[in-house]
Amino acid sequence: MKILVTGATGFIGQRLVNSSLRESYQIAVIVRENSDTSVLGKGIKVFHYNENIDKLIKFCTYEKFDGVIHLATHFTTNHTTEDIPKLIVSNVKFGTEIIEAAIQTKIKWMINVGTFWQNFCSDGYNPANLYAATKEAFQTIAKYYTETSDLIFTTIKLNDTYGPNDTRKKLINLWNKIAKTGESVDFPEGNQIMDISYIDDVISAFEILIKHLYSVDCHNFKNKIFTVSAKERVTLKELASIYEKATKSKLHINWGKRPYRKREVMVPWDKSIPIPGWNPKYSLEMGFKELMKQQDNV
């Protein structure tokens, strides 16, 4: 059983391809020509993509993949004009090329990764930013392909994630830094509700969905949207307190010294549907403690 993964050199991708999936499936990854593949484990087949879709189709034909996990993305909270081509190429064009190759080579299923930010104010569709708009654009394009083929296309929407060895410029990484240095940072009032998942919970969600897609009930998952949501939702201020307690540290945060971002997500999407059979294992306190333990062992 073979699975092709895009975005494998990213934080979630690295954890996914080096998870227990490798015990049951043959994993191959597609990366840009200049990607650092040293972060991937041994025994993973790597295909370097130079935007030649014919070569991609030839590769998929030869490998006979069962499914694709599409994690590759370009993310930015507030875009600049320079981000526009990157967002379109990474989030729309590349995904369309992947799904075209999947259709032509009779790949059975595809897991796409979306974002809660596609549903600002919990609307059916209301992008919080241009990044979310491009993610929705690809899902809309995928609708054409699923209406004209047998491909089982399903989406997992994520909100925020964290875990060890995360090099992204994310909230928890900032807190890890200032907890060590003692420096202070300015934040908004901190009343926004946070939905943030520990990486092991995220990976288990993918593993369970993949099992569904290999089951006799796989067609029930066509065009469905599922979510990975945290075990508990708290305000940003409350999250900081939980972090301090779990890590036995002090965060010097100047609350209310910075305005909220434009179109700040104050309440995450609340109409989400979890993957059947999946439940988060880690509470926020458990996740922070596990994060510290993993980092101490590095």
C-alpha atoms as a PDB file:
ATOM      1  CA  MET A   1       0.000   0.000   0.000  1.00  0.00           C
ATOM      2  CA  LYS A   2       1.577   3.234  -1.163  1.00  0.00           C
ATOM      3  CA  ILE A   3       0.974   6.840  -0.098  1.00  0.00           C
ATOM      4  CA  LEU A   4       2.380  10.019  -1.650  1.00  0.00           C
ATOM      5  CA  VAL A   5       2.879  12.978   0.694  1.00  0.00           C
ATOM      6  CA  THR A   6       3.363  16.637  -0.266  1.00  0.00           C
ATOM      7  CA  GLY A   7       4.783  19.159   2.200  1.00  0.00           C
ATOM      8  CA  ALA A   8       6.784  16.411   3.895  1.00  0.00           C
ATOM      9  CA  THR A   9       9.625  18.722   4.956  1.00  0.00           C
ATOM     10  CA  GLY A  10       7.257  20.945   6.969  1.00  0.00           C
ATOM     11  CA  PHE A  11       6.562  20.534  10.672  1.00  0.00           C
ATOM     12  CA  ILE A  12       3.484  18.316  10.337  1.00  0.00           C
ATOM     13  CA  GLY A  13       4.825  16.524   7.260  1.00  0.00           C
ATOM     14  CA  GLN A  14       8.041  15.472   8.990  1.00  0.00           C
ATOM     15  CA  ARG A  15       6.154  14.013  11.923  1.00  0.00           C
ATOM     16  CA  LEU A  16       3.673  12.270   9.651  1.00  0.00           C
ATOM     17  CA  VAL A  17       6.158  10.518   7.352  1.00  0.00           C
ATOM     18  CA  ASN A  18       8.241   9.423  10.336  1.00  0.00           C
ATOM     19  CA  SER A  19       5.231   8.181  12.321  1.00  0.00           C
ATOM     20  CA  SER A  20       3.806   4.678  12.632  1.00  0.00           C
ATOM     21  CA  LEU A  21       2.456   5.061   9.082  1.00  0.00           C
ATOM     22  CA  ARG A  22       5.791   3.726   7.873  1.00  0.00           C
ATOM     23  CA  GLU A  23       5.084   0.417   9.568  1.00  0.00           C
ATOM     24  CA  SER A  24       2.001  -0.206   7.422  1.00  0.00           C
ATOM     25  CA  TYR A  25       2.503   1.792   4.226  1.00  0.00           C
ATOM     26  CA  GLN A  26       5.206   2.598   1.705  1.00  0.00           C
ATOM     27  CA  ILE A  27       5.738   6.361   1.858  1.00  0.00           C
ATOM     28  CA  ALA A  28       6.993   8.552  -0.980  1.00  0.00           C
ATOM     29  CA  VAL A  29       7.262  12.332  -0.894  1.00  0.00           C
ATOM     30  CA  ILE A  30       7.202  15.071  -3.487  1.00  0.00           C
ATOM     31  CA  VAL A  31       9.383  18.099  -2.756  1.00  0.00           C
ATOM     32  CA  ARG A  32      10.707  21.185  -4.488  1.00  0.00           C
ATOM     33  CA  GLU A  33      14.097  20.795  -6.134  1.00  0.00           C
ATOM     34  CA  ASN A  34      15.810  22.944  -3.478  1.00  0.00           C
ATOM     35  CA  SER A  35      14.145  21.289  -0.450  1.00  0.00           C
ATOM     36  CA  ASP A  36      16.232  19.975   2.436  1.00  0.00           C
ATOM     37  CA  THR A  37      15.366  16.266   2.504  1.00  0.00           C
ATOM     38  CA  SER A  38      17.839  15.506   5.311  1.00  0.00           C
ATOM     39  CA  VAL A  39      14.950  16.001   7.743  1.00  0.00           C
ATOM     40  CA  LEU A  40      13.242  12.907   6.319  1.00  0.00           C
ATOM     41  CA  GLY A  41      13.915   9.419   7.589  1.00  0.00           C
ATOM     42  CA  LYS A  42      15.692   6.714   5.644  1.00  0.00           C
ATOM     43  CA  GLY A  43      13.784   4.526   3.223  1.00  0.00           C
ATOM     44  CA  ILE A  44      11.468   7.251   1.938  1.00  0.00           C
ATOM     45  CA  LYS A  45      11.375   7.661  -1.826  1.00  0.00           C
ATOM     46  CA  VAL A  46      11.784  11.307  -2.870  1.00  0.00           C
ATOM     47  CA  PHE A  47      10.494  12.861  -6.084  1.00  0.00           C
ATOM     48  CA  HIS A  48      11.845  16.344  -6.863  1.00  0.00           C
ATOM     49  CA  TYR A  49       9.200  18.379  -8.653  1.00  0.00           C
ATOM     50  CA  ASN A  50      10.256  21.037 -11.155  1.00  0.00           C
ATOM     51  CA  GLU A  51       6.677  21.899 -12.244  1.00  0.00           C
ATOM     52  CA  ASN A  52       6.819  19.401 -15.111  1.00  0.00           C
ATOM     53  CA  ILE A  53       3.436  17.753 -14.656  1.00  0.00           C
ATOM     54  CA  ASP A  54       4.158  15.100 -17.297  1.00  0.00           C
ATOM     55  CA  LYS A  55       7.080  13.821 -15.210  1.00  0.00           C
ATOM     56  CA  LEU A  56       4.851  13.853 -12.138  1.00  0.00           C
ATOM     57  CA  ILE A  57       2.209  11.791 -13.929  1.00  0.00           C
ATOM     58  CA  LYS A  58       4.874   9.372 -15.149  1.00  0.00           C
ATOM     59  CA  PHE A  59       6.188   8.979 -11.588  1.00  0.00           C
ATOM     60  CA  CYS A  60       2.688   8.341 -10.188  1.00  0.00           C
ATOM     61  CA  THR A  61       1.944   5.866 -12.988  1.00  0.00           C
ATOM     62  CA  TYR A  62       5.062   3.878 -12.172  1.00  0.00           C
ATOM     63  CA  GLU A  63       4.553   3.915  -8.393  1.00  0.00           C
ATOM     64  CA  LYS A  64       0.805   3.115  -8.460  1.00  0.00           C
ATOM     65  CA  PHE A  65      -0.079   5.085  -5.331  1.00  0.00           C
ATOM     66  CA  ASP A  66      -3.268   4.323  -3.404  1.00  0.00           C
ATOM     67  CA  GLY A  67      -3.584   7.779  -1.912  1.00  0.00           C
ATOM     68  CA  VAL A  68      -2.160  11.281  -1.527  1.00  0.00           C
ATOM     69  CA  ILE A  69      -1.817  13.417   1.599  1.00  0.00           C
ATOM     70  CA  HIS A  70      -1.591  17.041   0.465  1.00  0.00           C
ATOM     71  CA  LEU A  71       0.107  19.103   3.188  1.00  0.00           C
ATOM     72  CA  ALA A  72       2.162  21.490   1.034  1.00  0.00           C
ATOM     73  CA  THR A  73       1.209  25.124   1.462  1.00  0.00           C
ATOM     74  CA  HIS A  74       2.474  28.676   1.578  1.00  0.00           C
ATOM     75  CA  PHE A  75       1.296  30.411   4.745  1.00  0.00           C
ATOM     76  CA  THR A  76       1.233  34.057   5.671  1.00  0.00           C
ATOM     77  CA  THR A  77      -1.055  35.851   8.097  1.00  0.00           C
ATOM     78  CA  ASN A  78      -1.011  39.250   6.412  1.00  0.00           C
ATOM     79  CA  HIS A  79       0.127  39.076   2.816  1.00  0.00           C
ATOM     80  CA  THR A  80       2.226  41.536   0.860  1.00  0.00           C
ATOM     81  CA  THR A  81       2.168  41.935  -2.903  1.00  0.00           C
ATOM     82  CA  GLU A  82       5.220  39.665  -3.053  1.00  0.00           C
ATOM     83  CA  ASP A  83       3.240  36.870  -1.368  1.00  0.00           C
ATOM     84  CA  ILE A  84       0.503  36.761  -4.021  1.00  0.00           C
ATOM     85  CA  PRO A  85       2.381  34.609  -6.603  1.00  0.00           C
ATOM     86  CA  LYS A  86       3.626  32.267  -3.840  1.00  0.00           C
ATOM     87  CA  LEU A  87       0.125  31.810  -2.443  1.00  0.00           C
ATOM     88  CA  ILE A  88      -1.389  31.104  -5.849  1.00  0.00           C
ATOM     89  CA  VAL A  89       1.388  28.748  -6.987  1.00  0.00           C
ATOM     90  CA  SER A  90       1.650  26.779  -3.724  1.00  0.00           C
ATOM     91  CA  ASN A  91      -1.974  26.703  -2.615  1.00  0.00           C
ATOM     92  CA  VAL A  92      -3.858  26.587  -5.910  1.00  0.00           C
ATOM     93  CA  LYS A  93      -1.645  25.669  -8.876  1.00  0.00           C
ATOM     94  CA  PHE A  94       0.405  22.940  -7.221  1.00  0.00           C
ATOM     95  CA  GLY A  95      -2.630  21.312  -5.623  1.00  0.00           C
ATOM     96  CA  THR A  96      -4.425  21.299  -8.970  1.00  0.00           C
ATOM     97  CA  GLU A  97      -1.434  19.612 -10.599  1.00  0.00           C
ATOM     98  CA  ILE A  98      -1.397  16.983  -7.856  1.00  0.00           C
ATOM     99  CA  ILE A  99      -5.097  16.220  -8.220  1.00  0.00           C
ATOM    100  CA  GLU A 100      -4.770  16.095 -12.031  1.00  0.00           C
ATOM    101  CA  ALA A 101      -1.982  13.533 -11.668  1.00  0.00           C
ATOM    102  CA  ALA A 102      -4.108  11.604  -9.157  1.00  0.00           C
ATOM    103  CA  ILE A 103      -7.029  11.395 -11.577  1.00  0.00           C
ATOM    104  CA  GLN A 104      -4.909  10.398 -14.550  1.00  0.00           C
ATOM    105  CA  THR A 105      -3.107   7.637 -12.623  1.00  0.00           C
ATOM    106  CA  LYS A 106      -6.244   6.336 -10.873  1.00  0.00           C
ATOM    107  CA  ILE A 107      -5.186   7.158  -7.335  1.00  0.00           C
ATOM    108  CA  LYS A 108      -8.096   6.167  -5.098  1.00  0.00           C
ATOM    109  CA  TRP A 109      -8.129   8.882  -2.450  1.00  0.00           C
ATOM    110  CA  MET A 110      -6.672  12.237  -1.467  1.00  0.00           C
ATOM    111  CA  ILE A 111      -6.538  13.969   1.917  1.00  0.00           C
ATOM    112  CA  ASN A 112      -6.371  17.738   1.582  1.00  0.00           C
ATOM    113  CA  VAL A 113      -5.440  20.007   4.488  1.00  0.00           C
ATOM    114  CA  GLY A 114      -7.496  23.144   4.996  1.00  0.00           C
ATOM    115  CA  THR A 115      -7.749  25.749   7.736  1.00  0.00           C
ATOM    116  CA  PHE A 116     -10.315  27.038  10.227  1.00  0.00           C
ATOM    117  CA  TRP A 117      -9.505  30.469   8.800  1.00  0.00           C
ATOM    118  CA  GLN A 118     -11.644  29.632   5.780  1.00  0.00           C
ATOM    119  CA  ASN A 119     -14.611  30.091   8.120  1.00  0.00           C
ATOM    120  CA  PHE A 120     -14.153  33.499   9.738  1.00  0.00           C
ATOM    121  CA  CYS A 121     -16.977  34.211  12.230  1.00  0.00           C
ATOM    122  CA  SER A 122     -17.969  30.522  11.730  1.00  0.00           C
ATOM    123  CA  ASP A 123     -19.548  31.401   8.383  1.00  0.00           C
ATOM    124  CA  GLY A 124     -19.960  28.705   5.744  1.00  0.00           C
ATOM    125  CA  TYR A 125     -17.234  30.489   3.823  1.00  0.00           C
ATOM    126  CA  ASN A 126     -15.575  33.717   4.853  1.00  0.00           C
ATOM    127  CA  PRO A 127     -11.764  33.811   4.503  1.00  0.00           C
ATOM    128  CA  ALA A 128      -9.915  35.522   7.324  1.00  0.00           C
ATOM    129  CA  ASN A 129      -7.064  36.374   4.951  1.00  0.00           C
ATOM    130  CA  LEU A 130      -5.761  35.733   1.436  1.00  0.00           C
ATOM    131  CA  TYR A 131      -4.060  32.519   2.561  1.00  0.00           C
ATOM    132  CA  ALA A 132      -7.448  31.107   3.609  1.00  0.00           C
ATOM    133  CA  ALA A 133      -8.985  32.314   0.353  1.00  0.00           C
ATOM    134  CA  THR A 134      -6.456  30.341  -1.694  1.00  0.00           C
ATOM    135  CA  LYS A 135      -7.091  27.226   0.391  1.00  0.00           C
ATOM    136  CA  GLU A 136     -10.797  27.547  -0.351  1.00  0.00           C
ATOM    137  CA  ALA A 137     -10.077  28.148  -4.031  1.00  0.00           C
ATOM    138  CA  PHE A 138      -8.321  24.801  -4.277  1.00  0.00           C
ATOM    139  CA  GLN A 139     -11.205  23.000  -2.554  1.00  0.00           C
ATOM    140  CA  THR A 140     -13.564  24.556  -5.081  1.00  0.00           C
ATOM    141  CA  ILE A 141     -11.388  23.353  -7.959  1.00  0.00           C
ATOM    142  CA  ALA A 142     -11.298  19.875  -6.410  1.00  0.00           C
ATOM    143  CA  LYS A 143     -15.105  19.768  -6.588  1.00  0.00           C
ATOM    144  CA  TYR A 144     -14.862  19.629 -10.390  1.00  0.00           C
ATOM    145  CA  TYR A 145     -12.507  16.677 -10.234  1.00  0.00           C
ATOM    146  CA  THR A 146     -14.607  14.708  -7.754  1.00  0.00           C
ATOM    147  CA  GLU A 147     -17.772  15.297  -9.772  1.00  0.00           C
ATOM    148  CA  THR A 148     -16.088  13.869 -12.869  1.00  0.00           C
ATOM    149  CA  SER A 149     -14.147  10.966 -11.354  1.00  0.00           C
ATOM    150  CA  ASP A 150     -14.156   8.294  -8.638  1.00  0.00           C
ATOM    151  CA  LEU A 151     -11.498  10.073  -6.559  1.00  0.00           C
ATOM    152  CA  ILE A 152     -12.381  10.150  -2.872  1.00  0.00           C
ATOM    153  CA  PHE A 153     -11.344  13.669  -1.890  1.00  0.00           C
ATOM    154  CA  THR A 154     -11.626  14.576   1.771  1.00  0.00           C
ATOM    155  CA  THR A 155     -10.354  17.541   3.794  1.00  0.00           C
ATOM    156  CA  ILE A 156      -8.961  17.877   7.299  1.00  0.00           C
ATOM    157  CA  LYS A 157      -9.128  21.452   8.560  1.00  0.00           C
ATOM    158  CA  LEU A 158      -6.561  22.435  11.162  1.00  0.00           C
ATOM    159  CA  ASN A 159      -6.402  25.504  13.372  1.00  0.00           C
ATOM    160  CA  ASP A 160      -3.172  25.907  15.329  1.00  0.00           C
ATOM    161  CA  THR A 161      -0.619  23.212  16.176  1.00  0.00           C
ATOM    162  CA  TYR A 162       2.527  22.888  18.272  1.00  0.00           C
ATOM    163  CA  GLY A 163       5.120  20.348  19.319  1.00  0.00           C
ATOM    164  CA  PRO A 164       8.849  19.637  19.605  1.00  0.00           C
ATOM    165  CA  ASN A 165      11.274  20.512  16.793  1.00  0.00           C
ATOM    166  CA  ASP A 166       8.906  23.122  15.402  1.00  0.00           C
ATOM    167  CA  THR A 167      10.880  25.817  13.582  1.00  0.00           C
ATOM    168  CA  ARG A 168       7.868  27.904  12.538  1.00  0.00           C
ATOM    169  CA  LYS A 169       7.352  31.429  13.851  1.00  0.00           C
ATOM    170  CA  LYS A 170       4.454  30.387  16.038  1.00  0.00           C
ATOM    171  CA  LEU A 171       3.048  31.434  19.414  1.00  0.00           C
ATOM    172  CA  ILE A 172       4.398  28.576  21.526  1.00  0.00           C
ATOM    173  CA  ASN A 173       7.880  28.931  20.051  1.00  0.00           C
ATOM    174  CA  LEU A 174       7.828  32.604  21.018  1.00  0.00           C
ATOM    175  CA  TRP A 175       6.785  31.697  24.547  1.00  0.00           C
ATOM    176  CA  ASN A 176       9.534  29.066  24.765  1.00  0.00           C
ATOM    177  CA  LYS A 177      12.032  31.756  23.829  1.00  0.00           C
ATOM    178  CA  ILE A 178      10.900  34.495  26.214  1.00  0.00           C
ATOM    179  CA  ALA A 179      10.518  31.999  29.070  1.00  0.00           C
ATOM    180  CA  LYS A 180      14.257  31.319  28.735  1.00  0.00           C
ATOM    181  CA  THR A 181      15.469  34.863  28.074  1.00  0.00           C
ATOM    182  CA  GLY A 182      13.164  36.714  30.442  1.00  0.00           C
ATOM    183  CA  GLU A 183      12.416  39.361  27.832  1.00  0.00           C
ATOM    184  CA  SER A 184       8.982  40.964  27.690  1.00  0.00           C
ATOM    185  CA  VAL A 185       6.640  41.166  24.678  1.00  0.00           C
ATOM    186  CA  ASP A 186       3.587  43.255  23.884  1.00  0.00           C
ATOM    187  CA  PHE A 187       0.330  41.416  23.201  1.00  0.00           C
ATOM    188  CA  PRO A 188      -3.319  42.410  22.614  1.00  0.00           C
ATOM    189  CA  GLU A 189      -5.822  42.070  25.477  1.00  0.00           C
ATOM    190  CA  GLY A 190      -5.735  38.283  25.061  1.00  0.00           C
ATOM    191  CA  ASN A 191      -9.477  37.628  24.963  1.00  0.00           C
ATOM    192  CA  GLN A 192      -9.431  35.638  21.702  1.00  0.00           C
ATOM    193  CA  ILE A 193     -10.360  31.972  22.071  1.00  0.00           C
ATOM    194  CA  MET A 194      -7.554  29.563  21.220  1.00  0.00           C
ATOM    195  CA  ASP A 195      -7.920  26.126  19.624  1.00  0.00           C
ATOM    196  CA  ILE A 196      -4.422  24.647  19.555  1.00  0.00           C
ATOM    197  CA  SER A 197      -3.556  20.956  19.147  1.00  0.00           C
ATOM    198  CA  TYR A 198      -0.493  18.975  20.178  1.00  0.00           C
ATOM    199  CA  ILE A 199       1.222  17.371  17.182  1.00  0.00           C
ATOM    200  CA  ASP A 200       0.664  13.764  18.328  1.00  0.00           C
ATOM    201  CA  ASP A 201      -3.098  14.334  18.320  1.00  0.00           C
ATOM    202  CA  VAL A 202      -2.846  15.748  14.791  1.00  0.00           C
ATOM    203  CA  ILE A 203      -0.882  12.743  13.527  1.00  0.00           C
ATOM    204  CA  SER A 204      -3.308  10.270  15.097  1.00  0.00           C
ATOM    205  CA  ALA A 205      -6.170  12.026  13.272  1.00  0.00           C
ATOM    206  CA  PHE A 206      -4.453  11.450   9.929  1.00  0.00           C
ATOM    207  CA  GLU A 207      -3.749   7.822  10.806  1.00  0.00           C
ATOM    208  CA  ILE A 208      -7.392   7.152  11.657  1.00  0.00           C
ATOM    209  CA  LEU A 209      -8.704   8.877   8.529  1.00  0.00           C
ATOM    210  CA  ILE A 210      -6.308   6.864   6.354  1.00  0.00           C
ATOM    211  CA  LYS A 211      -7.689   3.648   7.851  1.00  0.00           C
ATOM    212  CA  HIS A 212     -11.203   4.805   6.930  1.00  0.00           C
ATOM    213  CA  LEU A 213     -10.073   5.474   3.362  1.00  0.00           C
ATOM    214  CA  TYR A 214      -8.748   1.911   3.074  1.00  0.00           C
ATOM    215  CA  SER A 215     -11.995   0.461   4.479  1.00  0.00           C
ATOM    216  CA  VAL A 216     -15.097  -0.835   2.697  1.00  0.00           C
ATOM    217  CA  ASP A 217     -16.878   2.370   3.769  1.00  0.00           C
ATOM    218  CA  CYS A 218     -14.337   4.654   2.060  1.00  0.00           C
ATOM    219  CA  HIS A 219     -16.893   6.158  -0.337  1.00  0.00           C
ATOM    220  CA  ASN A 220     -18.736   7.681   2.628  1.00  0.00           C
ATOM    221  CA  PHE A 221     -15.789  10.056   2.996  1.00  0.00           C
ATOM    222  CA  LYS A 222     -15.970  11.586  -0.473  1.00  0.00           C
ATOM    223  CA  ASN A 223     -16.174  15.406  -0.384  1.00  0.00           C
ATOM    224  CA  LYS A 224     -16.354  15.412   3.409  1.00  0.00           C
ATOM    225  CA  ILE A 225     -14.692  18.012   5.641  1.00  0.00           C
ATOM    226  CA  PHE A 226     -13.392  17.011   9.057  1.00  0.00           C
ATOM    227  CA  THR A 227     -11.478  18.898  11.702  1.00  0.00           C
ATOM    228  CA  VAL A 228      -8.784  18.443  14.292  1.00  0.00           C
ATOM    229  CA  SER A 229      -9.836  20.454  17.316  1.00  0.00           C
ATOM    230  CA  ALA A 230      -8.250  20.762  20.748  1.00  0.00           C
ATOM    231  CA  LYS A 231      -9.538  18.987  23.819  1.00  0.00           C
ATOM    232  CA  GLU A 232     -10.240  22.362  25.406  1.00  0.00           C
ATOM    233  CA  ARG A 233     -10.635  25.932  24.217  1.00  0.00           C
ATOM    234  CA  VAL A 234      -9.430  28.819  26.382  1.00  0.00           C
ATOM    235  CA  THR A 235      -8.627  32.490  25.955  1.00  0.00           C
ATOM    236  CA  LEU A 236      -5.089  33.490  25.033  1.00  0.00           C
ATOM    237  CA  LYS A 237      -4.588  34.848  28.555  1.00  0.00           C
ATOM    238  CA  GLU A 238      -5.741  31.563  30.053  1.00  0.00           C
ATOM    239  CA  LEU A 239      -3.471  29.660  27.670  1.00  0.00           C
ATOM    240  CA  ALA A 240      -0.483  31.660  28.923  1.00  0.00           C
ATOM    241  CA  SER A 241      -1.346  30.752  32.528  1.00  0.00           C
ATOM    242  CA  ILE A 242      -1.633  27.049  31.652  1.00  0.00           C
ATOM    243  CA  TYR A 243       1.727  27.236  29.867  1.00  0.00           C
ATOM    244  CA  GLU A 244       3.391  28.864  32.898  1.00  0.00           C
ATOM    245  CA  LYS A 245       1.977  26.237  35.270  1.00  0.00           C
ATOM    246  CA  ALA A 246       2.880  23.272  33.043  1.00  0.00           C
ATOM    247  CA  THR A 247       6.401  24.469  32.256  1.00  0.00           C
ATOM    248  CA  LYS A 248       7.084  26.059  35.664  1.00  0.00           C
ATOM    249  CA  SER A 249       8.146  29.269  33.976  1.00  0.00           C
ATOM    250  CA  LYS A 250       7.186  32.937  33.836  1.00  0.00           C
ATOM    251  CA  LEU A 251       6.057  34.791  30.733  1.00  0.00           C
ATOM    252  CA  HIS A 252       6.568  38.550  30.777  1.00  0.00           C
ATOM    253  CA  ILE A 253       3.645  39.593  28.586  1.00  0.00           C
ATOM    254  CA  ASN A 254       2.383  43.166  28.426  1.00  0.00           C
ATOM    255  CA  TRP A 255      -1.303  42.550  27.821  1.00  0.00           C
ATOM    256  CA  GLY A 256      -3.251  45.206  25.933  1.00  0.00           C
ATOM    257  CA  LYS A 257      -0.141  46.972  24.637  1.00  0.00           C
ATOM    258  CA  ARG A 258      -0.756  45.944  21.029  1.00  0.00           C
ATOM    259  CA  PRO A 259      -3.940  46.111  18.944  1.00  0.00           C
ATOM    260  CA  TYR A 260      -5.613  43.009  17.598  1.00  0.00           C
ATOM    261  CA  ARG A 261      -4.731  42.113  14.023  1.00  0.00           C
ATOM    262  CA  LYS A 262      -7.079  43.075  11.232  1.00  0.00           C
ATOM    263  CA  ARG A 263      -9.749  40.353  11.040  1.00  0.00           C
ATOM    264  CA  GLU A 264      -8.470  38.752  14.222  1.00  0.00           C
ATOM    265  CA  VAL A 265     -10.157  35.378  14.750  1.00  0.00           C
ATOM    266  CA  MET A 266     -11.735  35.917  18.167  1.00  0.00           C
ATOM    267  CA  VAL A 267     -13.669  32.635  18.165  1.00  0.00           C
ATOM    268  CA  PRO A 268     -12.498  29.648  16.057  1.00  0.00           C
ATOM    269  CA  TRP A 269     -14.876  27.882  13.690  1.00  0.00           C
ATOM    270  CA  ASP A 270     -17.481  26.128  15.833  1.00  0.00           C
ATOM    271  CA  LYS A 271     -19.288  24.003  13.233  1.00  0.00           C
ATOM    272  CA  SER A 272     -16.514  21.456  12.877  1.00  0.00           C
ATOM    273  CA  ILE A 273     -17.004  17.683  12.598  1.00  0.00           C
ATOM    274  CA  PRO A 274     -14.323  15.365  14.049  1.00  0.00           C
ATOM    275  CA  ILE A 275     -13.026  12.349  12.161  1.00  0.00           C
ATOM    276  CA  PRO A 276     -15.110   9.301  13.161  1.00  0.00           C
ATOM    277  CA  GLY A 277     -13.306   7.369  15.867  1.00  0.00           C
ATOM    278  CA  TRP A 278     -10.835  10.145  16.688  1.00  0.00           C
ATOM    279  CA  ASN A 279     -10.604  12.069  19.945  1.00  0.00           C
ATOM    280  CA  PRO A 280      -7.786  14.291  21.197  1.00  0.00           C
ATOM    281  CA  LYS A 281      -5.638  12.680  23.863  1.00  0.00           C
ATOM    282  CA  TYR A 282      -3.658  15.670  25.116  1.00  0.00           C
ATOM    283  CA  SER A 283      -5.038  18.384  27.351  1.00  0.00           C
ATOM    284  CA  LEU A 284      -3.213  21.711  27.069  1.00  0.00           C
ATOM    285  CA  GLU A 285      -1.275  21.046  30.283  1.00  0.00           C
ATOM    286  CA  MET A 286      -0.332  17.532  29.112  1.00  0.00           C
ATOM    287  CA  GLY A 287       0.792  18.863  25.747  1.00  0.00           C
ATOM    288  CA  PHE A 288       3.005  21.565  27.245  1.00  0.00           C
ATOM    289  CA  LYS A 289       4.580  19.083  29.662  1.00  0.00           C
ATOM    290  CA  GLU A 290       5.252  16.631  26.846  1.00  0.00           C
ATOM    291  CA  LEU A 291       6.729  19.444  24.762  1.00  0.00           C
ATOM    292  CA  MET A 292       9.185  20.325  27.543  1.00  0.00           C
ATOM    293  CA  LYS A 293      10.106  16.672  28.079  1.00  0.00           C
ATOM    294  CA  GLN A 294      10.774  16.113  24.374  1.00  0.00           C
ATOM    295  CA  GLN A 295      12.852  19.290  24.129  1.00  0.00           C
ATOM    296  CA  ASP A 296      14.893  18.332  27.178  1.00  0.00           C
ATOM    297  CA  ASN A 297      15.723  15.004  25.532  1.00  0.00           C
ATOM    298  CA  VAL A 298      17.055  16.629  22.354  1.00  0.00           C
END
